[in-house]
Amino acid sequence: MPKTPTARSTSIAGLLTATSLVLALSGCATYDVTAPADARADAPAAAVKEKDARVAADADGKNGAGKNSPGKDGSASGSAGPEVDCRKAKCVALTFDAGPSENTDRLLDILKKEQVHATFFMLGKNHVDKRPAEVKRIDAEGHELANHTWSHQILTEIDPAEAKRELSRLQDAVHKITGKTPRLMRPPQGRTDGEVSRISKELGLAQVLWSVTAKDYQTNDSALITKRVLEQTERDGIILLHDIYKGTVPAVPGILKELKKRGYTVVTVSQLLSPAKPEPGMVYRP
């Protein structure tokens, strides 16, 4: 009989959600799943103390808001701008998959105007390798660099060595362009298992799924994309959009305007998890 999955959560509801996810995606493979709120609650005392100090310093105007610096290990931290405390704020993470593309500069213009930072899960082939300028700009403007594999192969359906190459090749390409190494990855179609988690852990990558999808790959109707996002968004959610489709970027201003109206603070994935730090191999899902 297959092993039951290992899931971490501070609530029965979270445990059931995590267990259901593992069963649905992996056929009972063993790996860890946690929600952003649970990750924050489980953060080590030292990380909590450090976070509290940054929040206090920011409140006193002692932090250099807007600076974009890598972590001590050269990782892409996604922590530019004022310190956000999602333990108190009503946060939602904004993420974009499968770029950069010809639409990315326009998207970055919008995010800059709205003073919002997002996490970009980038593809390598025909994207990062063709658009290094956009990758540099994503990083320079304080967004979070993340991994969506080199060529969008389904990691659970290929040889483990090939799956590792799919992830490591993107890591190397982003580091070559920016000097930073992503520490988050999103498996294509959200499909992961114990082997993918093992590889991710080896490469220093946490896995990030989502709770909100506009299915913008099905439509170029910006109004419909906006409606779908707003209907699904709840506190601590993770929004999945694609900056490669024509209808998506035009929807972003309206989405951001309404989210702010509803009291949301839009953040990167790492900001959503803080004071916890992304744990390699872990699957994060609201």
C-alpha atoms as a PDB file:
ATOM      1  CA  MET A   1       0.000   0.000   0.000  1.00  0.00           C
ATOM      2  CA  PRO A   2       1.446   3.467  -0.876  1.00  0.00           C
ATOM      3  CA  LYS A   3       2.602   5.715   1.916  1.00  0.00           C
ATOM      4  CA  THR A   4       0.322   8.504   3.015  1.00  0.00           C
ATOM      5  CA  PRO A   5       1.631  11.968   2.254  1.00  0.00           C
ATOM      6  CA  THR A   6       3.463  14.099   4.760  1.00  0.00           C
ATOM      7  CA  ALA A   7       1.739  17.462   5.142  1.00  0.00           C
ATOM      8  CA  ARG A   8       2.464  20.310   7.542  1.00  0.00           C
ATOM      9  CA  SER A   9      -0.318  22.569   8.700  1.00  0.00           C
ATOM     10  CA  THR A  10      -1.401  24.242  11.896  1.00  0.00           C
ATOM     11  CA  SER A  11      -5.087  23.525  11.305  1.00  0.00           C
ATOM     12  CA  ILE A  12      -7.197  20.506  10.478  1.00  0.00           C
ATOM     13  CA  ALA A  13      -8.633  22.312   7.463  1.00  0.00           C
ATOM     14  CA  GLY A  14      -5.156  23.113   6.221  1.00  0.00           C
ATOM     15  CA  LEU A  15      -4.069  19.531   6.747  1.00  0.00           C
ATOM     16  CA  LEU A  16      -7.024  18.204   4.776  1.00  0.00           C
ATOM     17  CA  THR A  17      -6.349  20.654   1.951  1.00  0.00           C
ATOM     18  CA  ALA A  18      -2.689  19.729   1.852  1.00  0.00           C
ATOM     19  CA  THR A  19      -3.423  16.014   1.943  1.00  0.00           C
ATOM     20  CA  SER A  20      -5.994  16.309  -0.838  1.00  0.00           C
ATOM     21  CA  LEU A  21      -3.489  18.191  -2.958  1.00  0.00           C
ATOM     22  CA  VAL A  22      -0.837  15.537  -2.532  1.00  0.00           C
ATOM     23  CA  LEU A  23      -3.242  12.726  -3.296  1.00  0.00           C
ATOM     24  CA  ALA A  24      -4.617  14.462  -6.373  1.00  0.00           C
ATOM     25  CA  LEU A  25      -1.289  15.431  -7.865  1.00  0.00           C
ATOM     26  CA  SER A  26       1.005  12.590  -7.023  1.00  0.00           C
ATOM     27  CA  GLY A  27      -0.826   9.345  -6.400  1.00  0.00           C
ATOM     28  CA  CYS A  28       0.163   9.284  -2.719  1.00  0.00           C
ATOM     29  CA  ALA A  29       3.809  10.279  -3.191  1.00  0.00           C
ATOM     30  CA  THR A  30       5.333  11.669  -0.013  1.00  0.00           C
ATOM     31  CA  TYR A  31       6.233  15.344   0.192  1.00  0.00           C
ATOM     32  CA  ASP A  32       5.492  18.356   2.370  1.00  0.00           C
ATOM     33  CA  VAL A  33       2.785  20.949   1.729  1.00  0.00           C
ATOM     34  CA  THR A  34       1.998  24.061   3.748  1.00  0.00           C
ATOM     35  CA  ALA A  35      -0.035  27.243   3.394  1.00  0.00           C
ATOM     36  CA  PRO A  36       1.452  30.755   3.618  1.00  0.00           C
ATOM     37  CA  ALA A  37      -0.263  31.508   6.928  1.00  0.00           C
ATOM     38  CA  ASP A  38       0.984  28.249   8.412  1.00  0.00           C
ATOM     39  CA  ALA A  39       4.506  28.927   7.153  1.00  0.00           C
ATOM     40  CA  ARG A  40       4.463  32.328   8.872  1.00  0.00           C
ATOM     41  CA  ALA A  41       3.171  30.802  12.098  1.00  0.00           C
ATOM     42  CA  ASP A  42       5.911  28.149  12.017  1.00  0.00           C
ATOM     43  CA  ALA A  43       8.748  30.608  11.321  1.00  0.00           C
ATOM     44  CA  PRO A  44      11.784  30.227  13.631  1.00  0.00           C
ATOM     45  CA  ALA A  45      12.004  32.637  16.543  1.00  0.00           C
ATOM     46  CA  ALA A  46      15.139  34.248  15.110  1.00  0.00           C
ATOM     47  CA  ALA A  47      13.372  34.978  11.819  1.00  0.00           C
ATOM     48  CA  VAL A  48      10.399  36.456  13.660  1.00  0.00           C
ATOM     49  CA  LYS A  49      12.696  38.696  15.700  1.00  0.00           C
ATOM     50  CA  GLU A  50      14.497  39.834  12.544  1.00  0.00           C
ATOM     51  CA  LYS A  51      11.195  40.561  10.830  1.00  0.00           C
ATOM     52  CA  ASP A  52       9.893  42.555  13.771  1.00  0.00           C
ATOM     53  CA  ALA A  53      13.072  44.617  13.790  1.00  0.00           C
ATOM     54  CA  ARG A  54      12.724  45.407  10.078  1.00  0.00           C
ATOM     55  CA  VAL A  55       9.072  46.387  10.505  1.00  0.00           C
ATOM     56  CA  ALA A  56       9.955  48.656  13.433  1.00  0.00           C
ATOM     57  CA  ALA A  57      12.849  50.234  11.539  1.00  0.00           C
ATOM     58  CA  ASP A  58      10.640  50.842   8.529  1.00  0.00           C
ATOM     59  CA  ALA A  59       7.998  52.470  10.733  1.00  0.00           C
ATOM     60  CA  ASP A  60      10.706  54.771  12.112  1.00  0.00           C
ATOM     61  CA  GLY A  61      11.931  55.600   8.614  1.00  0.00           C
ATOM     62  CA  LYS A  62      15.294  53.906   9.163  1.00  0.00           C
ATOM     63  CA  ASN A  63      15.041  51.386   6.345  1.00  0.00           C
ATOM     64  CA  GLY A  64      16.040  52.240   2.786  1.00  0.00           C
ATOM     65  CA  ALA A  65      12.647  51.647   1.172  1.00  0.00           C
ATOM     66  CA  GLY A  66      12.843  50.790  -2.469  1.00  0.00           C
ATOM     67  CA  LYS A  67      16.271  49.177  -2.373  1.00  0.00           C
ATOM     68  CA  ASN A  68      16.539  45.911  -4.241  1.00  0.00           C
ATOM     69  CA  SER A  69      19.280  43.714  -2.908  1.00  0.00           C
ATOM     70  CA  PRO A  70      19.845  39.976  -3.115  1.00  0.00           C
ATOM     71  CA  GLY A  71      19.917  37.710  -0.125  1.00  0.00           C
ATOM     72  CA  LYS A  72      23.222  36.843   1.508  1.00  0.00           C
ATOM     73  CA  ASP A  73      23.515  33.841  -0.806  1.00  0.00           C
ATOM     74  CA  GLY A  74      22.870  35.896  -3.942  1.00  0.00           C
ATOM     75  CA  SER A  75      19.300  34.644  -4.198  1.00  0.00           C
ATOM     76  CA  ALA A  76      16.457  36.694  -5.637  1.00  0.00           C
ATOM     77  CA  SER A  77      14.751  37.788  -2.427  1.00  0.00           C
ATOM     78  CA  GLY A  78      11.648  39.574  -3.666  1.00  0.00           C
ATOM     79  CA  SER A  79      11.901  42.001  -0.763  1.00  0.00           C
ATOM     80  CA  ALA A  80      12.267  45.378  -2.454  1.00  0.00           C
ATOM     81  CA  GLY A  81      10.320  48.362  -1.186  1.00  0.00           C
ATOM     82  CA  PRO A  82       8.767  49.070   2.236  1.00  0.00           C
ATOM     83  CA  GLU A  83       8.615  46.191   4.702  1.00  0.00           C
ATOM     84  CA  VAL A  84       5.227  44.478   4.476  1.00  0.00           C
ATOM     85  CA  ASP A  85       3.945  42.448   7.415  1.00  0.00           C
ATOM     86  CA  CYS A  86       1.422  39.919   6.108  1.00  0.00           C
ATOM     87  CA  ARG A  87       0.816  38.706   9.651  1.00  0.00           C
ATOM     88  CA  LYS A  88      -1.195  41.912  10.033  1.00  0.00           C
ATOM     89  CA  ALA A  89      -1.884  43.170   6.517  1.00  0.00           C
ATOM     90  CA  LYS A  90      -4.486  41.617   4.232  1.00  0.00           C
ATOM     91  CA  CYS A  91      -2.006  40.303   1.664  1.00  0.00           C
ATOM     92  CA  VAL A  92      -2.291  38.558  -1.673  1.00  0.00           C
ATOM     93  CA  ALA A  93       0.640  37.518  -3.870  1.00  0.00           C
ATOM     94  CA  LEU A  94       0.658  38.421  -7.556  1.00  0.00           C
ATOM     95  CA  THR A  95       2.509  36.047  -9.890  1.00  0.00           C
ATOM     96  CA  PHE A  96       3.098  35.842 -13.628  1.00  0.00           C
ATOM     97  CA  ASP A  97       4.081  32.679 -15.479  1.00  0.00           C
ATOM     98  CA  ALA A  98       5.794  31.761 -18.729  1.00  0.00           C
ATOM     99  CA  GLY A  99       7.441  35.067 -19.675  1.00  0.00           C
ATOM    100  CA  PRO A 100       9.137  37.322 -20.296  1.00  0.00           C
ATOM    101  CA  SER A 101       7.410  38.233 -23.547  1.00  0.00           C
ATOM    102  CA  GLU A 102       6.666  41.198 -25.780  1.00  0.00           C
ATOM    103  CA  ASN A 103       4.032  42.206 -23.195  1.00  0.00           C
ATOM    104  CA  THR A 104       6.354  42.278 -20.186  1.00  0.00           C
ATOM    105  CA  ASP A 105       7.656  45.834 -20.531  1.00  0.00           C
ATOM    106  CA  ARG A 106       4.101  47.158 -20.602  1.00  0.00           C
ATOM    107  CA  LEU A 107       3.282  45.083 -17.525  1.00  0.00           C
ATOM    108  CA  LEU A 108       6.332  46.425 -15.717  1.00  0.00           C
ATOM    109  CA  ASP A 109       5.258  49.975 -16.559  1.00  0.00           C
ATOM    110  CA  ILE A 110       1.883  49.284 -14.923  1.00  0.00           C
ATOM    111  CA  LEU A 111       3.403  47.683 -11.813  1.00  0.00           C
ATOM    112  CA  LYS A 112       5.836  50.578 -11.441  1.00  0.00           C
ATOM    113  CA  LYS A 113       3.038  53.140 -11.714  1.00  0.00           C
ATOM    114  CA  GLU A 114       0.958  51.268  -9.126  1.00  0.00           C
ATOM    115  CA  GLN A 115       3.998  50.659  -6.872  1.00  0.00           C
ATOM    116  CA  VAL A 116       3.368  46.922  -6.794  1.00  0.00           C
ATOM    117  CA  HIS A 117       5.901  44.104  -6.856  1.00  0.00           C
ATOM    118  CA  ALA A 118       5.188  40.655  -8.283  1.00  0.00           C
ATOM    119  CA  THR A 119       6.863  37.276  -8.657  1.00  0.00           C
ATOM    120  CA  PHE A 120       7.803  36.221 -12.188  1.00  0.00           C
ATOM    121  CA  PHE A 121       8.001  32.467 -12.817  1.00  0.00           C
ATOM    122  CA  MET A 122       9.990  32.569 -16.032  1.00  0.00           C
ATOM    123  CA  LEU A 123      10.549  30.099 -18.841  1.00  0.00           C
ATOM    124  CA  GLY A 124      13.972  29.704 -20.393  1.00  0.00           C
ATOM    125  CA  LYS A 125      13.555  28.610 -23.990  1.00  0.00           C
ATOM    126  CA  ASN A 126      12.334  31.457 -26.231  1.00  0.00           C
ATOM    127  CA  HIS A 127      11.829  33.675 -23.192  1.00  0.00           C
ATOM    128  CA  VAL A 128      14.743  34.254 -20.795  1.00  0.00           C
ATOM    129  CA  ASP A 129      17.220  33.332 -23.508  1.00  0.00           C
ATOM    130  CA  LYS A 130      15.584  35.700 -26.016  1.00  0.00           C
ATOM    131  CA  ARG A 131      14.772  38.588 -23.649  1.00  0.00           C
ATOM    132  CA  PRO A 132      17.620  39.172 -21.189  1.00  0.00           C
ATOM    133  CA  ALA A 133      16.821  42.907 -21.086  1.00  0.00           C
ATOM    134  CA  GLU A 134      13.382  42.187 -19.666  1.00  0.00           C
ATOM    135  CA  VAL A 135      14.876  39.807 -17.097  1.00  0.00           C
ATOM    136  CA  LYS A 136      17.279  42.539 -16.007  1.00  0.00           C
ATOM    137  CA  ARG A 137      14.444  45.030 -15.748  1.00  0.00           C
ATOM    138  CA  ILE A 138      12.263  42.644 -13.704  1.00  0.00           C
ATOM    139  CA  ASP A 139      15.114  42.346 -11.245  1.00  0.00           C
ATOM    140  CA  ALA A 140      16.154  46.015 -11.299  1.00  0.00           C
ATOM    141  CA  GLU A 141      12.628  47.169 -10.458  1.00  0.00           C
ATOM    142  CA  GLY A 142      12.386  44.966  -7.375  1.00  0.00           C
ATOM    143  CA  HIS A 143      10.309  42.051  -8.597  1.00  0.00           C
ATOM    144  CA  GLU A 144      11.018  38.469  -7.620  1.00  0.00           C
ATOM    145  CA  LEU A 145      12.823  36.193 -10.068  1.00  0.00           C
ATOM    146  CA  ALA A 146      11.467  32.638 -10.089  1.00  0.00           C
ATOM    147  CA  ASN A 147      11.726  29.413 -12.086  1.00  0.00           C
ATOM    148  CA  HIS A 148       9.082  27.839 -14.346  1.00  0.00           C
ATOM    149  CA  THR A 149      11.535  25.405 -16.001  1.00  0.00           C
ATOM    150  CA  TRP A 150      13.454  25.730 -19.233  1.00  0.00           C
ATOM    151  CA  SER A 151      10.893  24.412 -21.715  1.00  0.00           C
ATOM    152  CA  HIS A 152       7.683  23.754 -19.742  1.00  0.00           C
ATOM    153  CA  GLN A 153       8.004  19.984 -19.677  1.00  0.00           C
ATOM    154  CA  ILE A 154       5.781  18.232 -17.143  1.00  0.00           C
ATOM    155  CA  LEU A 155       8.290  17.303 -14.469  1.00  0.00           C
ATOM    156  CA  THR A 156       6.382  14.280 -13.210  1.00  0.00           C
ATOM    157  CA  GLU A 157       6.389  12.728 -16.693  1.00  0.00           C
ATOM    158  CA  ILE A 158      10.088  12.918 -17.542  1.00  0.00           C
ATOM    159  CA  ASP A 159      13.229  11.246 -16.283  1.00  0.00           C
ATOM    160  CA  PRO A 160      14.481  12.729 -12.980  1.00  0.00           C
ATOM    161  CA  ALA A 161      17.788  13.710 -14.582  1.00  0.00           C
ATOM    162  CA  GLU A 162      15.924  15.610 -17.297  1.00  0.00           C
ATOM    163  CA  ALA A 163      13.669  17.245 -14.710  1.00  0.00           C
ATOM    164  CA  LYS A 164      16.747  18.446 -12.872  1.00  0.00           C
ATOM    165  CA  ARG A 165      18.168  19.870 -16.105  1.00  0.00           C
ATOM    166  CA  GLU A 166      14.876  21.670 -16.797  1.00  0.00           C
ATOM    167  CA  LEU A 167      15.205  23.494 -13.494  1.00  0.00           C
ATOM    168  CA  SER A 168      18.963  23.960 -13.242  1.00  0.00           C
ATOM    169  CA  ARG A 169      19.298  25.329 -16.779  1.00  0.00           C
ATOM    170  CA  LEU A 170      16.862  28.139 -15.945  1.00  0.00           C
ATOM    171  CA  GLN A 171      18.667  28.774 -12.652  1.00  0.00           C
ATOM    172  CA  ASP A 172      21.974  29.152 -14.485  1.00  0.00           C
ATOM    173  CA  ALA A 173      20.520  31.413 -17.176  1.00  0.00           C
ATOM    174  CA  VAL A 174      18.947  33.826 -14.682  1.00  0.00           C
ATOM    175  CA  HIS A 175      22.121  33.928 -12.605  1.00  0.00           C
ATOM    176  CA  LYS A 176      24.190  34.686 -15.683  1.00  0.00           C
ATOM    177  CA  ILE A 177      21.940  37.655 -16.523  1.00  0.00           C
ATOM    178  CA  THR A 178      21.321  39.082 -13.042  1.00  0.00           C
ATOM    179  CA  GLY A 179      23.888  37.563 -10.687  1.00  0.00           C
ATOM    180  CA  LYS A 180      20.981  36.179  -8.654  1.00  0.00           C
ATOM    181  CA  THR A 181      19.596  32.666  -8.361  1.00  0.00           C
ATOM    182  CA  PRO A 182      15.849  32.028  -8.034  1.00  0.00           C
ATOM    183  CA  ARG A 183      14.752  30.201  -4.928  1.00  0.00           C
ATOM    184  CA  LEU A 184      11.145  29.629  -5.973  1.00  0.00           C
ATOM    185  CA  MET A 185       9.797  27.433  -8.745  1.00  0.00           C
ATOM    186  CA  ARG A 186       6.384  26.633 -10.131  1.00  0.00           C
ATOM    187  CA  PRO A 187       6.032  23.184 -11.698  1.00  0.00           C
ATOM    188  CA  PRO A 188       4.262  23.294 -15.090  1.00  0.00           C
ATOM    189  CA  GLN A 189       0.533  22.620 -14.652  1.00  0.00           C
ATOM    190  CA  GLY A 190       1.185  22.509 -10.903  1.00  0.00           C
ATOM    191  CA  ARG A 191       2.146  18.848 -11.189  1.00  0.00           C
ATOM    192  CA  THR A 192       4.634  17.673  -8.627  1.00  0.00           C
ATOM    193  CA  ASP A 193       5.491  14.556  -6.636  1.00  0.00           C
ATOM    194  CA  GLY A 194       8.035  13.236  -4.194  1.00  0.00           C
ATOM    195  CA  GLU A 195      10.773  12.986  -6.808  1.00  0.00           C
ATOM    196  CA  VAL A 196      10.228  16.549  -8.035  1.00  0.00           C
ATOM    197  CA  SER A 197      10.307  17.707  -4.416  1.00  0.00           C
ATOM    198  CA  ARG A 198      13.590  15.884  -3.879  1.00  0.00           C
ATOM    199  CA  ILE A 199      15.124  17.528  -6.944  1.00  0.00           C
ATOM    200  CA  SER A 200      13.786  20.924  -5.913  1.00  0.00           C
ATOM    201  CA  LYS A 201      15.296  20.556  -2.471  1.00  0.00           C
ATOM    202  CA  GLU A 202      18.641  19.618  -3.996  1.00  0.00           C
ATOM    203  CA  LEU A 203      18.555  22.759  -6.163  1.00  0.00           C
ATOM    204  CA  GLY A 204      17.463  25.050  -3.319  1.00  0.00           C
ATOM    205  CA  LEU A 205      13.999  25.634  -4.782  1.00  0.00           C
ATOM    206  CA  ALA A 206      10.671  25.876  -2.955  1.00  0.00           C
ATOM    207  CA  GLN A 207       7.570  25.013  -4.993  1.00  0.00           C
ATOM    208  CA  VAL A 208       4.733  27.527  -5.306  1.00  0.00           C
ATOM    209  CA  LEU A 209       1.215  26.663  -6.475  1.00  0.00           C
ATOM    210  CA  TRP A 210      -1.777  29.013  -6.508  1.00  0.00           C
ATOM    211  CA  SER A 211      -5.332  29.631  -5.326  1.00  0.00           C
ATOM    212  CA  VAL A 212      -6.539  32.048  -8.032  1.00  0.00           C
ATOM    213  CA  THR A 213      -6.480  31.403 -11.758  1.00  0.00           C
ATOM    214  CA  ALA A 214      -8.117  33.497 -14.460  1.00  0.00           C
ATOM    215  CA  LYS A 215      -7.490  30.763 -17.034  1.00  0.00           C
ATOM    216  CA  ASP A 216      -6.169  33.567 -19.211  1.00  0.00           C
ATOM    217  CA  TYR A 217      -4.822  30.947 -21.611  1.00  0.00           C
ATOM    218  CA  GLN A 218      -8.435  30.374 -22.650  1.00  0.00           C
ATOM    219  CA  THR A 219      -9.492  33.963 -23.349  1.00  0.00           C
ATOM    220  CA  ASN A 220      -8.255  37.399 -24.381  1.00  0.00           C
ATOM    221  CA  ASP A 221     -11.263  39.050 -22.740  1.00  0.00           C
ATOM    222  CA  SER A 222      -9.650  41.361 -20.178  1.00  0.00           C
ATOM    223  CA  ALA A 223     -12.957  42.031 -18.425  1.00  0.00           C
ATOM    224  CA  LEU A 224     -13.505  38.302 -17.938  1.00  0.00           C
ATOM    225  CA  ILE A 225      -9.950  37.847 -16.660  1.00  0.00           C
ATOM    226  CA  THR A 226     -10.514  40.641 -14.149  1.00  0.00           C
ATOM    227  CA  LYS A 227     -13.840  39.157 -13.032  1.00  0.00           C
ATOM    228  CA  ARG A 228     -12.346  35.699 -12.500  1.00  0.00           C
ATOM    229  CA  VAL A 229      -9.457  37.019 -10.422  1.00  0.00           C
ATOM    230  CA  LEU A 230     -11.633  39.175  -8.195  1.00  0.00           C
ATOM    231  CA  GLU A 231     -14.191  36.413  -7.620  1.00  0.00           C
ATOM    232  CA  GLN A 232     -11.523  34.018  -6.331  1.00  0.00           C
ATOM    233  CA  THR A 233      -9.188  36.271  -4.364  1.00  0.00           C
ATOM    234  CA  GLU A 234      -9.054  35.890  -0.597  1.00  0.00           C
ATOM    235  CA  ARG A 235      -6.494  36.832   2.024  1.00  0.00           C
ATOM    236  CA  ASP A 236      -3.166  34.964   1.695  1.00  0.00           C
ATOM    237  CA  GLY A 237      -4.069  33.877  -1.814  1.00  0.00           C
ATOM    238  CA  ILE A 238      -1.654  33.486  -4.712  1.00  0.00           C
ATOM    239  CA  ILE A 239      -2.868  34.833  -8.051  1.00  0.00           C
ATOM    240  CA  LEU A 240      -1.700  33.077 -11.227  1.00  0.00           C
ATOM    241  CA  LEU A 241      -1.598  35.103 -14.444  1.00  0.00           C
ATOM    242  CA  HIS A 242       0.480  34.886 -17.633  1.00  0.00           C
ATOM    243  CA  ASP A 243       2.245  37.869 -19.160  1.00  0.00           C
ATOM    244  CA  ILE A 244       2.390  36.072 -22.526  1.00  0.00           C
ATOM    245  CA  TYR A 245      -1.300  36.428 -23.419  1.00  0.00           C
ATOM    246  CA  LYS A 246      -2.793  39.523 -25.042  1.00  0.00           C
ATOM    247  CA  GLY A 247      -5.748  39.916 -22.701  1.00  0.00           C
ATOM    248  CA  THR A 248      -3.855  39.630 -19.429  1.00  0.00           C
ATOM    249  CA  VAL A 249      -1.728  42.765 -19.147  1.00  0.00           C
ATOM    250  CA  PRO A 250      -4.651  45.108 -20.013  1.00  0.00           C
ATOM    251  CA  ALA A 251      -6.578  43.504 -17.129  1.00  0.00           C
ATOM    252  CA  VAL A 252      -3.911  44.244 -14.533  1.00  0.00           C
ATOM    253  CA  PRO A 253      -4.730  47.942 -13.802  1.00  0.00           C
ATOM    254  CA  GLY A 254      -8.361  47.112 -13.045  1.00  0.00           C
ATOM    255  CA  ILE A 255      -7.395  44.114 -10.932  1.00  0.00           C
ATOM    256  CA  LEU A 256      -4.960  46.160  -8.855  1.00  0.00           C
ATOM    257  CA  LYS A 257      -7.390  49.057  -8.445  1.00  0.00           C
ATOM    258  CA  GLU A 258     -10.149  46.803  -7.131  1.00  0.00           C
ATOM    259  CA  LEU A 259      -7.836  44.759  -4.894  1.00  0.00           C
ATOM    260  CA  LYS A 260      -6.577  47.954  -3.257  1.00  0.00           C
ATOM    261  CA  LYS A 261     -10.162  49.168  -2.896  1.00  0.00           C
ATOM    262  CA  ARG A 262     -10.966  45.929  -1.068  1.00  0.00           C
ATOM    263  CA  GLY A 263      -8.082  46.498   1.340  1.00  0.00           C
ATOM    264  CA  TYR A 264      -5.537  44.084  -0.094  1.00  0.00           C
ATOM    265  CA  THR A 265      -1.799  44.637  -0.036  1.00  0.00           C
ATOM    266  CA  VAL A 266      -0.299  43.089  -3.175  1.00  0.00           C
ATOM    267  CA  VAL A 267       3.044  41.396  -2.539  1.00  0.00           C
ATOM    268  CA  THR A 268       5.590  38.915  -3.869  1.00  0.00           C
ATOM    269  CA  VAL A 269       5.494  35.281  -2.779  1.00  0.00           C
ATOM    270  CA  SER A 270       8.477  35.711  -0.451  1.00  0.00           C
ATOM    271  CA  GLN A 271       6.822  38.721   1.164  1.00  0.00           C
ATOM    272  CA  LEU A 272       3.665  36.668   1.670  1.00  0.00           C
ATOM    273  CA  LEU A 273       5.636  33.947   3.471  1.00  0.00           C
ATOM    274  CA  SER A 274       7.767  36.272   5.637  1.00  0.00           C
ATOM    275  CA  PRO A 275       8.998  35.953   8.382  1.00  0.00           C
ATOM    276  CA  ALA A 276       9.354  32.402   7.129  1.00  0.00           C
ATOM    277  CA  LYS A 277      11.848  31.879   4.331  1.00  0.00           C
ATOM    278  CA  PRO A 278      11.024  29.602   1.387  1.00  0.00           C
ATOM    279  CA  GLU A 279      12.046  26.079   2.313  1.00  0.00           C
ATOM    280  CA  PRO A 280      13.635  24.082  -0.539  1.00  0.00           C
ATOM    281  CA  GLY A 281      11.446  21.175  -1.619  1.00  0.00           C
ATOM    282  CA  MET A 282       8.383  22.394   0.253  1.00  0.00           C
ATOM    283  CA  VAL A 283       5.151  22.925  -1.694  1.00  0.00           C
ATOM    284  CA  TYR A 284       3.409  26.202  -0.792  1.00  0.00           C
ATOM    285  CA  ARG A 285      -0.279  26.363  -1.586  1.00  0.00           C
ATOM    286  CA  PRO A 286      -2.954  28.610  -0.018  1.00  0.00           C
END
